[in-house]
Amino acid sequence: MTPAESQSPLAHLPTPRNRIPTLPFALEEYARWSCLPDGEDDIVFEAGPTVSKMIDRVPHVAALPDATVRLTRDETLLLSLVDGVSPVSLLVQLIGWDADLALVVLCDLFARGLVTFD
């Protein structure tokens, strides 16, 4: 150790990580196994209805957004078309979007409690 290094206020700190040799490990397999649920998890996976069944369902407005709820332009437009009579397939045609995008927006509205289905 040089005299300049011994006087440095950082001399007592460990060697920086970029100067310590590390062994290369492939962590893909570990990551894949570590994210799977096990007996201690309370996770229940439920698949929703298929897209073909989803587009036949009729959405209903469950609650109107209050001042604290911020809706995007897409959410506002889709929510304005929900009349409680028209199925999702008709809403998708009226709005003119890709069906997948419309379903994502509709599912977000459902998750926020603004829309329910019959």
PDB file of N, CA and C in Angstrom:
ATOM      1  N   MET A   1       0.851  -1.170   0.000  1.00  0.00           N
ATOM      2  CA  MET A   1       0.000   0.000   0.000  1.00  0.00           C
ATOM      3  C   MET A   1       0.899   1.235   0.000  1.00  0.00           C
ATOM      4  N   THR A   2       0.578   2.147  -0.854  1.00  0.00           N
ATOM      5  CA  THR A   2       1.382   3.366  -0.957  1.00  0.00           C
ATOM      6  C   THR A   2       0.968   4.329   0.155  1.00  0.00           C
ATOM      7  N   PRO A   3       1.829   5.278   0.488  1.00  0.00           N
ATOM      8  CA  PRO A   3       1.480   6.248   1.534  1.00  0.00           C
ATOM      9  C   PRO A   3       0.215   7.039   1.191  1.00  0.00           C
ATOM     10  N   ALA A   4      -0.019   7.316  -0.104  1.00  0.00           N
ATOM     11  CA  ALA A   4      -1.212   8.074  -0.494  1.00  0.00           C
ATOM     12  C   ALA A   4      -2.474   7.253  -0.238  1.00  0.00           C
ATOM     13  N   GLU A   5      -2.402   5.920  -0.497  1.00  0.00           N
ATOM     14  CA  GLU A   5      -3.565   5.060  -0.280  1.00  0.00           C
ATOM     15  C   GLU A   5      -3.875   4.895   1.195  1.00  0.00           C
ATOM     16  N   SER A   6      -2.854   4.834   2.057  1.00  0.00           N
ATOM     17  CA  SER A   6      -3.092   4.654   3.479  1.00  0.00           C
ATOM     18  C   SER A   6      -3.706   5.907   4.108  1.00  0.00           C
ATOM     19  N   GLN A   7      -3.524   7.053   3.501  1.00  0.00           N
ATOM     20  CA  GLN A   7      -4.090   8.283   4.020  1.00  0.00           C
ATOM     21  C   GLN A   7      -5.479   8.566   3.463  1.00  0.00           C
ATOM     22  N   SER A   8      -5.906   7.820   2.487  1.00  0.00           N
ATOM     23  CA  SER A   8      -7.203   8.039   1.868  1.00  0.00           C
ATOM     24  C   SER A   8      -8.318   7.728   2.866  1.00  0.00           C
ATOM     25  N   PRO A   9      -9.369   8.541   2.890  1.00  0.00           N
ATOM     26  CA  PRO A   9     -10.480   8.262   3.808  1.00  0.00           C
ATOM     27  C   PRO A   9     -11.260   7.008   3.406  1.00  0.00           C
ATOM     28  N   LEU A  10     -11.068   6.522   2.174  1.00  0.00           N
ATOM     29  CA  LEU A  10     -11.769   5.329   1.702  1.00  0.00           C
ATOM     30  C   LEU A  10     -10.926   4.057   1.830  1.00  0.00           C
ATOM     31  N   ALA A  11      -9.758   4.158   2.458  1.00  0.00           N
ATOM     32  CA  ALA A  11      -8.840   3.024   2.540  1.00  0.00           C
ATOM     33  C   ALA A  11      -9.421   1.851   3.317  1.00  0.00           C
ATOM     34  N   HIS A  12     -10.339   2.098   4.245  1.00  0.00           N
ATOM     35  CA  HIS A  12     -10.902   1.026   5.071  1.00  0.00           C
ATOM     36  C   HIS A  12     -12.034   0.272   4.368  1.00  0.00           C
ATOM     37  N   LEU A  13     -12.502   0.767   3.207  1.00  0.00           N
ATOM     38  CA  LEU A  13     -13.596   0.115   2.491  1.00  0.00           C
ATOM     39  C   LEU A  13     -13.109  -1.103   1.722  1.00  0.00           C
ATOM     40  N   PRO A  14     -13.966  -2.087   1.495  1.00  0.00           N
ATOM     41  CA  PRO A  14     -13.559  -3.264   0.724  1.00  0.00           C
ATOM     42  C   PRO A  14     -13.312  -2.906  -0.740  1.00  0.00           C
ATOM     43  N   THR A  15     -12.687  -3.812  -1.449  1.00  0.00           N
ATOM     44  CA  THR A  15     -12.386  -3.613  -2.866  1.00  0.00           C
ATOM     45  C   THR A  15     -13.684  -3.475  -3.659  1.00  0.00           C
ATOM     46  N   PRO A  16     -13.763  -2.545  -4.581  1.00  0.00           N
ATOM     47  CA  PRO A  16     -14.978  -2.397  -5.395  1.00  0.00           C
ATOM     48  C   PRO A  16     -15.298  -3.682  -6.164  1.00  0.00           C
ATOM     49  N   ARG A  17     -16.590  -3.918  -6.387  1.00  0.00           N
ATOM     50  CA  ARG A  17     -17.051  -5.144  -7.046  1.00  0.00           C
ATOM     51  C   ARG A  17     -16.463  -5.316  -8.436  1.00  0.00           C
ATOM     52  N   ASN A  18     -16.211  -4.225  -9.153  1.00  0.00           N
ATOM     53  CA  ASN A  18     -15.696  -4.377 -10.505  1.00  0.00           C
ATOM     54  C   ASN A  18     -14.243  -4.837 -10.530  1.00  0.00           C
ATOM     55  N   ARG A  19     -13.589  -4.870  -9.385  1.00  0.00           N
ATOM     56  CA  ARG A  19     -12.206  -5.351  -9.314  1.00  0.00           C
ATOM     57  C   ARG A  19     -12.102  -6.743  -8.702  1.00  0.00           C
ATOM     58  N   ILE A  20     -13.205  -7.279  -8.204  1.00  0.00           N
ATOM     59  CA  ILE A  20     -13.210  -8.617  -7.609  1.00  0.00           C
ATOM     60  C   ILE A  20     -13.579  -9.616  -8.699  1.00  0.00           C
ATOM     61  N   PRO A  21     -12.781 -10.672  -8.870  1.00  0.00           N
ATOM     62  CA  PRO A  21     -13.128 -11.662  -9.893  1.00  0.00           C
ATOM     63  C   PRO A  21     -14.385 -12.434  -9.483  1.00  0.00           C
ATOM     64  N   THR A  22     -15.257 -12.662 -10.440  1.00  0.00           N
ATOM     65  CA  THR A  22     -16.469 -13.442 -10.186  1.00  0.00           C
ATOM     66  C   THR A  22     -16.513 -14.621 -11.135  1.00  0.00           C
ATOM     67  N   LEU A  23     -17.146 -15.666 -10.693  1.00  0.00           N
ATOM     68  CA  LEU A  23     -17.298 -16.838 -11.533  1.00  0.00           C
ATOM     69  C   LEU A  23     -18.566 -16.697 -12.367  1.00  0.00           C
ATOM     70  N   PRO A  24     -18.495 -17.028 -13.634  1.00  0.00           N
ATOM     71  CA  PRO A  24     -19.698 -16.927 -14.465  1.00  0.00           C
ATOM     72  C   PRO A  24     -20.660 -18.078 -14.164  1.00  0.00           C
ATOM     73  N   PHE A  25     -21.885 -17.749 -13.870  1.00  0.00           N
ATOM     74  CA  PHE A  25     -22.927 -18.739 -13.625  1.00  0.00           C
ATOM     75  C   PHE A  25     -24.122 -18.429 -14.509  1.00  0.00           C
ATOM     76  N   ALA A  26     -24.687 -19.446 -15.079  1.00  0.00           N
ATOM     77  CA  ALA A  26     -25.928 -19.270 -15.836  1.00  0.00           C
ATOM     78  C   ALA A  26     -27.078 -19.356 -14.840  1.00  0.00           C
ATOM     79  N   LEU A  27     -27.849 -18.313 -14.704  1.00  0.00           N
ATOM     80  CA  LEU A  27     -28.901 -18.245 -13.696  1.00  0.00           C
ATOM     81  C   LEU A  27     -30.299 -18.474 -14.274  1.00  0.00           C
ATOM     82  N   GLU A  28     -30.380 -18.789 -15.564  1.00  0.00           N
ATOM     83  CA  GLU A  28     -31.694 -18.971 -16.174  1.00  0.00           C
ATOM     84  C   GLU A  28     -32.472 -20.102 -15.508  1.00  0.00           C
ATOM     85  N   GLU A  29     -31.827 -21.227 -15.283  1.00  0.00           N
ATOM     86  CA  GLU A  29     -32.506 -22.376 -14.678  1.00  0.00           C
ATOM     87  C   GLU A  29     -32.938 -22.059 -13.244  1.00  0.00           C
ATOM     88  N   TYR A  30     -32.074 -21.386 -12.489  1.00  0.00           N
ATOM     89  CA  TYR A  30     -32.417 -20.986 -11.117  1.00  0.00           C
ATOM     90  C   TYR A  30     -33.620 -20.052 -11.124  1.00  0.00           C
ATOM     91  N   ALA A  31     -33.613 -19.080 -12.031  1.00  0.00           N
ATOM     92  CA  ALA A  31     -34.722 -18.128 -12.108  1.00  0.00           C
ATOM     93  C   ALA A  31     -36.018 -18.835 -12.476  1.00  0.00           C
ATOM     94  N   ARG A  32     -35.935 -19.785 -13.385  1.00  0.00           N
ATOM     95  CA  ARG A  32     -37.136 -20.514 -13.803  1.00  0.00           C
ATOM     96  C   ARG A  32     -37.724 -21.298 -12.638  1.00  0.00           C
ATOM     97  N   TRP A  33     -36.898 -21.962 -11.857  1.00  0.00           N
ATOM     98  CA  TRP A  33     -37.396 -22.766 -10.739  1.00  0.00           C
ATOM     99  C   TRP A  33     -37.789 -21.917  -9.534  1.00  0.00           C
ATOM    100  N   SER A  34     -37.123 -20.797  -9.328  1.00  0.00           N
ATOM    101  CA  SER A  34     -37.414 -19.997  -8.143  1.00  0.00           C
ATOM    102  C   SER A  34     -38.723 -19.229  -8.252  1.00  0.00           C
ATOM    103  N   CYS A  35     -39.241 -19.047  -9.461  1.00  0.00           N
ATOM    104  CA  CYS A  35     -40.479 -18.286  -9.601  1.00  0.00           C
ATOM    105  C   CYS A  35     -41.717 -19.185  -9.613  1.00  0.00           C
ATOM    106  N   LEU A  36     -41.547 -20.489  -9.580  1.00  0.00           N
ATOM    107  CA  LEU A  36     -42.691 -21.388  -9.573  1.00  0.00           C
ATOM    108  C   LEU A  36     -43.326 -21.451  -8.183  1.00  0.00           C
ATOM    109  N   PRO A  37     -44.653 -21.550  -8.106  1.00  0.00           N
ATOM    110  CA  PRO A  37     -45.290 -21.661  -6.790  1.00  0.00           C
ATOM    111  C   PRO A  37     -44.968 -23.004  -6.146  1.00  0.00           C
ATOM    112  N   ASP A  38     -44.891 -23.008  -4.834  1.00  0.00           N
ATOM    113  CA  ASP A  38     -44.660 -24.258  -4.116  1.00  0.00           C
ATOM    114  C   ASP A  38     -45.737 -24.409  -3.047  1.00  0.00           C
ATOM    115  N   GLY A  39     -45.586 -25.385  -2.194  1.00  0.00           N
ATOM    116  CA  GLY A  39     -46.592 -25.681  -1.182  1.00  0.00           C
ATOM    117  C   GLY A  39     -46.832 -24.562  -0.192  1.00  0.00           C
ATOM    118  N   GLU A  40     -45.871 -23.677  -0.008  1.00  0.00           N
ATOM    119  CA  GLU A  40     -46.018 -22.588   0.955  1.00  0.00           C
ATOM    120  C   GLU A  40     -46.756 -21.380   0.380  1.00  0.00           C
ATOM    121  N   ASP A  41     -46.927 -21.351  -0.928  1.00  0.00           N
ATOM    122  CA  ASP A  41     -47.580 -20.205  -1.561  1.00  0.00           C
ATOM    123  C   ASP A  41     -49.092 -20.334  -1.497  1.00  0.00           C
ATOM    124  N   ASP A  42     -49.759 -19.201  -1.331  1.00  0.00           N
ATOM    125  CA  ASP A  42     -51.216 -19.160  -1.324  1.00  0.00           C
ATOM    126  C   ASP A  42     -51.754 -18.689  -2.670  1.00  0.00           C
ATOM    127  N   ILE A  43     -50.979 -18.878  -3.715  1.00  0.00           N
ATOM    128  CA  ILE A  43     -51.362 -18.393  -5.034  1.00  0.00           C
ATOM    129  C   ILE A  43     -52.315 -19.392  -5.683  1.00  0.00           C
ATOM    130  N   VAL A  44     -53.391 -18.870  -6.226  1.00  0.00           N
ATOM    131  CA  VAL A  44     -54.338 -19.690  -6.964  1.00  0.00           C
ATOM    132  C   VAL A  44     -54.412 -19.117  -8.376  1.00  0.00           C
ATOM    133  N   PHE A  45     -54.047 -19.930  -9.342  1.00  0.00           N
ATOM    134  CA  PHE A  45     -54.095 -19.490 -10.726  1.00  0.00           C
ATOM    135  C   PHE A  45     -55.434 -19.900 -11.324  1.00  0.00           C
ATOM    136  N   GLU A  46     -56.134 -18.907 -11.880  1.00  0.00           N
ATOM    137  CA  GLU A  46     -57.409 -19.169 -12.517  1.00  0.00           C
ATOM    138  C   GLU A  46     -57.370 -18.604 -13.911  1.00  0.00           C
ATOM    139  N   ALA A  47     -57.704 -19.426 -14.869  1.00  0.00           N
ATOM    140  CA  ALA A  47     -57.776 -18.933 -16.239  1.00  0.00           C
ATOM    141  C   ALA A  47     -59.133 -18.289 -16.448  1.00  0.00           C
ATOM    142  N   GLY A  48     -59.124 -17.178 -17.116  1.00  0.00           N
ATOM    143  CA  GLY A  48     -60.377 -16.503 -17.435  1.00  0.00           C
ATOM    144  C   GLY A  48     -61.035 -17.168 -18.624  1.00  0.00           C
ATOM    145  N   PRO A  49     -62.161 -16.629 -19.029  1.00  0.00           N
ATOM    146  CA  PRO A  49     -62.838 -17.205 -20.190  1.00  0.00           C
ATOM    147  C   PRO A  49     -62.006 -17.008 -21.457  1.00  0.00           C
ATOM    148  N   THR A  50     -62.212 -17.871 -22.421  1.00  0.00           N
ATOM    149  CA  THR A  50     -61.496 -17.743 -23.685  1.00  0.00           C
ATOM    150  C   THR A  50     -61.978 -16.505 -24.421  1.00  0.00           C
ATOM    151  N   VAL A  51     -61.184 -16.046 -25.374  1.00  0.00           N
ATOM    152  CA  VAL A  51     -61.529 -14.842 -26.120  1.00  0.00           C
ATOM    153  C   VAL A  51     -62.848 -15.034 -26.851  1.00  0.00           C
ATOM    154  N   SER A  52     -63.072 -16.233 -27.401  1.00  0.00           N
ATOM    155  CA  SER A  52     -64.321 -16.468 -28.135  1.00  0.00           C
ATOM    156  C   SER A  52     -65.542 -16.343 -27.223  1.00  0.00           C
ATOM    157  N   LYS A  53     -65.411 -16.739 -25.962  1.00  0.00           N
ATOM    158  CA  LYS A  53     -66.522 -16.580 -25.018  1.00  0.00           C
ATOM    159  C   LYS A  53     -66.601 -15.151 -24.497  1.00  0.00           C
ATOM    160  N   MET A  54     -65.455 -14.506 -24.403  1.00  0.00           N
ATOM    161  CA  MET A  54     -65.415 -13.143 -23.862  1.00  0.00           C
ATOM    162  C   MET A  54     -66.126 -12.160 -24.780  1.00  0.00           C
ATOM    163  N   ILE A  55     -65.982 -12.329 -26.097  1.00  0.00           N
ATOM    164  CA  ILE A  55     -66.570 -11.343 -27.006  1.00  0.00           C
ATOM    165  C   ILE A  55     -68.090 -11.476 -27.099  1.00  0.00           C
ATOM    166  N   ASP A  56     -68.640 -12.569 -26.584  1.00  0.00           N
ATOM    167  CA  ASP A  56     -70.090 -12.736 -26.573  1.00  0.00           C
ATOM    168  C   ASP A  56     -70.733 -12.192 -25.299  1.00  0.00           C
ATOM    169  N   ARG A  57     -69.936 -11.839 -24.319  1.00  0.00           N
ATOM    170  CA  ARG A  57     -70.477 -11.348 -23.060  1.00  0.00           C
ATOM    171  C   ARG A  57     -70.879  -9.883 -23.176  1.00  0.00           C
ATOM    172  N   VAL A  58     -71.815  -9.484 -22.340  1.00  0.00           N
ATOM    173  CA  VAL A  58     -72.318  -8.102 -22.351  1.00  0.00           C
ATOM    174  C   VAL A  58     -71.791  -7.368 -21.117  1.00  0.00           C
ATOM    175  N   PRO A  59     -71.002  -6.307 -21.335  1.00  0.00           N
ATOM    176  CA  PRO A  59     -70.510  -5.533 -20.189  1.00  0.00           C
ATOM    177  C   PRO A  59     -71.553  -4.524 -19.710  1.00  0.00           C
ATOM    178  N   HIS A  60     -71.512  -4.231 -18.425  1.00  0.00           N
ATOM    179  CA  HIS A  60     -72.395  -3.248 -17.793  1.00  0.00           C
ATOM    180  C   HIS A  60     -71.526  -2.286 -16.995  1.00  0.00           C
ATOM    181  N   VAL A  61     -71.923  -1.037 -16.946  1.00  0.00           N
ATOM    182  CA  VAL A  61     -71.204  -0.058 -16.124  1.00  0.00           C
ATOM    183  C   VAL A  61     -71.547  -0.350 -14.667  1.00  0.00           C
ATOM    184  N   ALA A  62     -70.530  -0.657 -13.873  1.00  0.00           N
ATOM    185  CA  ALA A  62     -70.730  -0.988 -12.458  1.00  0.00           C
ATOM    186  C   ALA A  62     -70.688   0.266 -11.597  1.00  0.00           C
ATOM    187  N   ALA A  63     -69.810   1.178 -11.955  1.00  0.00           N
ATOM    188  CA  ALA A  63     -69.658   2.417 -11.186  1.00  0.00           C
ATOM    189  C   ALA A  63     -69.079   3.472 -12.108  1.00  0.00           C
ATOM    190  N   LEU A  64     -69.504   4.672 -11.915  1.00  0.00           N
ATOM    191  CA  LEU A  64     -68.933   5.776 -12.680  1.00  0.00           C
ATOM    192  C   LEU A  64     -67.671   6.250 -11.970  1.00  0.00           C
ATOM    193  N   PRO A  65     -66.642   6.596 -12.735  1.00  0.00           N
ATOM    194  CA  PRO A  65     -65.411   7.060 -12.097  1.00  0.00           C
ATOM    195  C   PRO A  65     -65.633   8.388 -11.387  1.00  0.00           C
ATOM    196  N   ASP A  66     -65.057   8.497 -10.195  1.00  0.00           N
ATOM    197  CA  ASP A  66     -65.157   9.772  -9.477  1.00  0.00           C
ATOM    198  C   ASP A  66     -63.965  10.653  -9.838  1.00  0.00           C
ATOM    199  N   ALA A  67     -63.826  11.750  -9.162  1.00  0.00           N
ATOM    200  CA  ALA A  67     -62.779  12.726  -9.496  1.00  0.00           C
ATOM    201  C   ALA A  67     -61.376  12.185  -9.255  1.00  0.00           C
ATOM    202  N   THR A  68     -61.246  11.173  -8.391  1.00  0.00           N
ATOM    203  CA  THR A  68     -59.916  10.638  -8.088  1.00  0.00           C
ATOM    204  C   THR A  68     -59.453   9.608  -9.112  1.00  0.00           C
ATOM    205  N   VAL A  69     -60.377   9.096  -9.929  1.00  0.00           N
ATOM    206  CA  VAL A  69     -60.037   8.079 -10.919  1.00  0.00           C
ATOM    207  C   VAL A  69     -59.661   8.762 -12.223  1.00  0.00           C
ATOM    208  N   ARG A  70     -58.460   8.475 -12.709  1.00  0.00           N
ATOM    209  CA  ARG A  70     -57.993   9.044 -13.964  1.00  0.00           C
ATOM    210  C   ARG A  70     -58.131   7.986 -15.055  1.00  0.00           C
ATOM    211  N   LEU A  71     -58.906   8.289 -16.072  1.00  0.00           N
ATOM    212  CA  LEU A  71     -59.079   7.376 -17.194  1.00  0.00           C
ATOM    213  C   LEU A  71     -58.307   7.896 -18.396  1.00  0.00           C
ATOM    214  N   THR A  72     -57.758   6.968 -19.162  1.00  0.00           N
ATOM    215  CA  THR A  72     -57.107   7.360 -20.408  1.00  0.00           C
ATOM    216  C   THR A  72     -58.180   7.664 -21.443  1.00  0.00           C
ATOM    217  N   ARG A  73     -57.766   8.231 -22.542  1.00  0.00           N
ATOM    218  CA  ARG A  73     -58.704   8.530 -23.619  1.00  0.00           C
ATOM    219  C   ARG A  73     -59.368   7.244 -24.121  1.00  0.00           C
ATOM    220  N   ASP A  74     -58.577   6.173 -24.275  1.00  0.00           N
ATOM    221  CA  ASP A  74     -59.117   4.903 -24.740  1.00  0.00           C
ATOM    222  C   ASP A  74     -60.129   4.324 -23.759  1.00  0.00           C
ATOM    223  N   GLU A  75     -59.806   4.398 -22.456  1.00  0.00           N
ATOM    224  CA  GLU A  75     -60.731   3.891 -21.438  1.00  0.00           C
ATOM    225  C   GLU A  75     -62.032   4.687 -21.434  1.00  0.00           C
ATOM    226  N   THR A  76     -61.921   6.003 -21.565  1.00  0.00           N
ATOM    227  CA  THR A  76     -63.108   6.854 -21.582  1.00  0.00           C
ATOM    228  C   THR A  76     -63.984   6.541 -22.784  1.00  0.00           C
ATOM    229  N   LEU A  77     -63.357   6.375 -23.944  1.00  0.00           N
ATOM    230  CA  LEU A  77     -64.116   6.080 -25.158  1.00  0.00           C
ATOM    231  C   LEU A  77     -64.825   4.743 -25.048  1.00  0.00           C
ATOM    232  N   LEU A  78     -64.119   3.717 -24.602  1.00  0.00           N
ATOM    233  CA  LEU A  78     -64.734   2.392 -24.494  1.00  0.00           C
ATOM    234  C   LEU A  78     -65.824   2.383 -23.431  1.00  0.00           C
ATOM    235  N   LEU A  79     -65.582   3.030 -22.299  1.00  0.00           N
ATOM    236  CA  LEU A  79     -66.592   3.084 -21.241  1.00  0.00           C
ATOM    237  C   LEU A  79     -67.845   3.821 -21.710  1.00  0.00           C
ATOM    238  N   SER A  80     -67.682   4.807 -22.572  1.00  0.00           N
ATOM    239  CA  SER A  80     -68.848   5.542 -23.071  1.00  0.00           C
ATOM    240  C   SER A  80     -69.714   4.682 -23.993  1.00  0.00           C
ATOM    241  N   LEU A  81     -69.145   3.637 -24.564  1.00  0.00           N
ATOM    242  CA  LEU A  81     -69.906   2.758 -25.459  1.00  0.00           C
ATOM    243  C   LEU A  81     -70.620   1.632 -24.722  1.00  0.00           C
ATOM    244  N   VAL A  82     -70.249   1.384 -23.473  1.00  0.00           N
ATOM    245  CA  VAL A  82     -70.865   0.299 -22.696  1.00  0.00           C
ATOM    246  C   VAL A  82     -72.287   0.724 -22.343  1.00  0.00           C
ATOM    247  N   ASP A  83     -73.269  -0.001 -22.906  1.00  0.00           N
ATOM    248  CA  ASP A  83     -74.669   0.349 -22.686  1.00  0.00           C
ATOM    249  C   ASP A  83     -75.466  -0.734 -21.966  1.00  0.00           C
ATOM    250  N   GLY A  84     -74.838  -1.863 -21.637  1.00  0.00           N
ATOM    251  CA  GLY A  84     -75.534  -2.932 -20.936  1.00  0.00           C
ATOM    252  C   GLY A  84     -76.351  -3.819 -21.842  1.00  0.00           C
ATOM    253  N   VAL A  85     -76.321  -3.567 -23.152  1.00  0.00           N
ATOM    254  CA  VAL A  85     -77.069  -4.361 -24.117  1.00  0.00           C
ATOM    255  C   VAL A  85     -76.142  -4.962 -25.172  1.00  0.00           C
ATOM    256  N   SER A  86     -75.154  -4.193 -25.589  1.00  0.00           N
ATOM    257  CA  SER A  86     -74.258  -4.603 -26.670  1.00  0.00           C
ATOM    258  C   SER A  86     -73.168  -5.536 -26.162  1.00  0.00           C
ATOM    259  N   PRO A  87     -72.934  -6.661 -26.871  1.00  0.00           N
ATOM    260  CA  PRO A  87     -71.841  -7.550 -26.481  1.00  0.00           C
ATOM    261  C   PRO A  87     -70.489  -6.933 -26.842  1.00  0.00           C
ATOM    262  N   VAL A  88     -69.450  -7.511 -26.297  1.00  0.00           N
ATOM    263  CA  VAL A  88     -68.097  -7.010 -26.526  1.00  0.00           C
ATOM    264  C   VAL A  88     -67.773  -7.000 -28.016  1.00  0.00           C
ATOM    265  N   SER A  89     -68.223  -8.008 -28.767  1.00  0.00           N
ATOM    266  CA  SER A  89     -67.918  -8.059 -30.195  1.00  0.00           C
ATOM    267  C   SER A  89     -68.454  -6.831 -30.925  1.00  0.00           C
ATOM    268  N   LEU A  90     -69.629  -6.353 -30.552  1.00  0.00           N
ATOM    269  CA  LEU A  90     -70.188  -5.162 -31.175  1.00  0.00           C
ATOM    270  C   LEU A  90     -69.417  -3.917 -30.751  1.00  0.00           C
ATOM    271  N   LEU A  91     -69.015  -3.846 -29.493  1.00  0.00           N
ATOM    272  CA  LEU A  91     -68.221  -2.709 -29.027  1.00  0.00           C
ATOM    273  C   LEU A  91     -66.903  -2.623 -29.784  1.00  0.00           C
ATOM    274  N   VAL A  92     -66.286  -3.787 -30.033  1.00  0.00           N
ATOM    275  CA  VAL A  92     -65.016  -3.817 -30.775  1.00  0.00           C
ATOM    276  C   VAL A  92     -65.236  -3.292 -32.194  1.00  0.00           C
ATOM    277  N   GLN A  93     -66.351  -3.680 -32.819  1.00  0.00           N
ATOM    278  CA  GLN A  93     -66.646  -3.177 -34.171  1.00  0.00           C
ATOM    279  C   GLN A  93     -66.906  -1.678 -34.159  1.00  0.00           C
ATOM    280  N   LEU A  94     -67.649  -1.208 -33.172  1.00  0.00           N
ATOM    281  CA  LEU A  94     -67.970   0.216 -33.096  1.00  0.00           C
ATOM    282  C   LEU A  94     -66.733   1.078 -32.864  1.00  0.00           C
ATOM    283  N   ILE A  95     -65.853   0.597 -32.017  1.00  0.00           N
ATOM    284  CA  ILE A  95     -64.692   1.400 -31.659  1.00  0.00           C
ATOM    285  C   ILE A  95     -63.621   1.355 -32.745  1.00  0.00           C
ATOM    286  N   GLY A  96     -63.613   0.273 -33.538  1.00  0.00           N
ATOM    287  CA  GLY A  96     -62.676   0.192 -34.655  1.00  0.00           C
ATOM    288  C   GLY A  96     -61.251  -0.159 -34.288  1.00  0.00           C
ATOM    289  N   TRP A  97     -61.040  -0.694 -33.110  1.00  0.00           N
ATOM    290  CA  TRP A  97     -59.701  -1.102 -32.683  1.00  0.00           C
ATOM    291  C   TRP A  97     -59.488  -2.573 -32.983  1.00  0.00           C
ATOM    292  N   ASP A  98     -58.249  -2.989 -32.776  1.00  0.00           N
ATOM    293  CA  ASP A  98     -57.918  -4.401 -32.771  1.00  0.00           C
ATOM    294  C   ASP A  98     -58.630  -5.038 -31.577  1.00  0.00           C
ATOM    295  N   ALA A  99     -59.174  -6.239 -31.751  1.00  0.00           N
ATOM    296  CA  ALA A  99     -59.939  -6.895 -30.678  1.00  0.00           C
ATOM    297  C   ALA A  99     -59.094  -7.099 -29.427  1.00  0.00           C
ATOM    298  N   ASP A 100     -57.820  -7.437 -29.598  1.00  0.00           N
ATOM    299  CA  ASP A 100     -56.958  -7.663 -28.433  1.00  0.00           C
ATOM    300  C   ASP A 100     -56.792  -6.387 -27.608  1.00  0.00           C
ATOM    301  N   LEU A 101     -56.595  -5.269 -28.275  1.00  0.00           N
ATOM    302  CA  LEU A 101     -56.440  -4.001 -27.559  1.00  0.00           C
ATOM    303  C   LEU A 101     -57.719  -3.638 -26.819  1.00  0.00           C
ATOM    304  N   ALA A 102     -58.853  -3.812 -27.481  1.00  0.00           N
ATOM    305  CA  ALA A 102     -60.131  -3.507 -26.842  1.00  0.00           C
ATOM    306  C   ALA A 102     -60.355  -4.384 -25.618  1.00  0.00           C
ATOM    307  N   LEU A 103     -59.991  -5.665 -25.703  1.00  0.00           N
ATOM    308  CA  LEU A 103     -60.161  -6.564 -24.559  1.00  0.00           C
ATOM    309  C   LEU A 103     -59.239  -6.182 -23.412  1.00  0.00           C
ATOM    310  N   VAL A 104     -58.036  -5.742 -23.716  1.00  0.00           N
ATOM    311  CA  VAL A 104     -57.112  -5.310 -22.664  1.00  0.00           C
ATOM    312  C   VAL A 104     -57.685  -4.098 -21.929  1.00  0.00           C
ATOM    313  N   VAL A 105     -58.188  -3.124 -22.674  1.00  0.00           N
ATOM    314  CA  VAL A 105     -58.761  -1.930 -22.053  1.00  0.00           C
ATOM    315  C   VAL A 105     -59.996  -2.303 -21.245  1.00  0.00           C
ATOM    316  N   LEU A 106     -60.828  -3.179 -21.785  1.00  0.00           N
ATOM    317  CA  LEU A 106     -62.039  -3.597 -21.086  1.00  0.00           C
ATOM    318  C   LEU A 106     -61.706  -4.371 -19.813  1.00  0.00           C
ATOM    319  N   CYS A 107     -60.701  -5.210 -19.877  1.00  0.00           N
ATOM    320  CA  CYS A 107     -60.276  -5.956 -18.681  1.00  0.00           C
ATOM    321  C   CYS A 107     -59.696  -5.024 -17.625  1.00  0.00           C
ATOM    322  N   ASP A 108     -59.001  -3.973 -18.055  1.00  0.00           N
ATOM    323  CA  ASP A 108     -58.505  -2.979 -17.091  1.00  0.00           C
ATOM    324  C   ASP A 108     -59.668  -2.271 -16.398  1.00  0.00           C
ATOM    325  N   LEU A 109     -60.690  -1.929 -17.160  1.00  0.00           N
ATOM    326  CA  LEU A 109     -61.874  -1.300 -16.559  1.00  0.00           C
ATOM    327  C   LEU A 109     -62.562  -2.256 -15.583  1.00  0.00           C
ATOM    328  N   PHE A 110     -62.604  -3.531 -15.942  1.00  0.00           N
ATOM    329  CA  PHE A 110     -63.184  -4.544 -15.055  1.00  0.00           C
ATOM    330  C   PHE A 110     -62.362  -4.673 -13.774  1.00  0.00           C
ATOM    331  N   ALA A 111     -61.049  -4.706 -13.900  1.00  0.00           N
ATOM    332  CA  ALA A 111     -60.160  -4.841 -12.739  1.00  0.00           C
ATOM    333  C   ALA A 111     -60.301  -3.640 -11.802  1.00  0.00           C
ATOM    334  N   ARG A 112     -60.623  -2.485 -12.340  1.00  0.00           N
ATOM    335  CA  ARG A 112     -60.778  -1.277 -11.516  1.00  0.00           C
ATOM    336  C   ARG A 112     -62.190  -1.138 -10.950  1.00  0.00           C
ATOM    337  N   GLY A 113     -63.066  -2.104 -11.263  1.00  0.00           N
ATOM    338  CA  GLY A 113     -64.406  -2.101 -10.703  1.00  0.00           C
ATOM    339  C   GLY A 113     -65.375  -1.190 -11.409  1.00  0.00           C
ATOM    340  N   LEU A 114     -65.031  -0.733 -12.608  1.00  0.00           N
ATOM    341  CA  LEU A 114     -65.908   0.165 -13.334  1.00  0.00           C
ATOM    342  C   LEU A 114     -66.868  -0.567 -14.260  1.00  0.00           C
ATOM    343  N   VAL A 115     -66.529  -1.798 -14.627  1.00  0.00           N
ATOM    344  CA  VAL A 115     -67.331  -2.586 -15.553  1.00  0.00           C
ATOM    345  C   VAL A 115     -67.520  -3.981 -14.968  1.00  0.00           C
ATOM    346  N   THR A 116     -68.728  -4.533 -15.138  1.00  0.00           N
ATOM    347  CA  THR A 116     -68.995  -5.934 -14.799  1.00  0.00           C
ATOM    348  C   THR A 116     -69.554  -6.619 -16.040  1.00  0.00           C
ATOM    349  N   PHE A 117     -69.652  -7.932 -15.970  1.00  0.00           N
ATOM    350  CA  PHE A 117     -70.193  -8.702 -17.081  1.00  0.00           C
ATOM    351  C   PHE A 117     -71.368  -9.517 -16.595  1.00  0.00           C
ATOM    352  N   ASP A 118     -72.320  -9.786 -17.520  1.00  0.00           N
ATOM    353  CA  ASP A 118     -73.476 -10.606 -17.145  1.00  0.00           C
ATOM    354  C   ASP A 118     -73.093 -12.067 -17.072  1.00  0.00           C
TER     355      ASP A 118
END
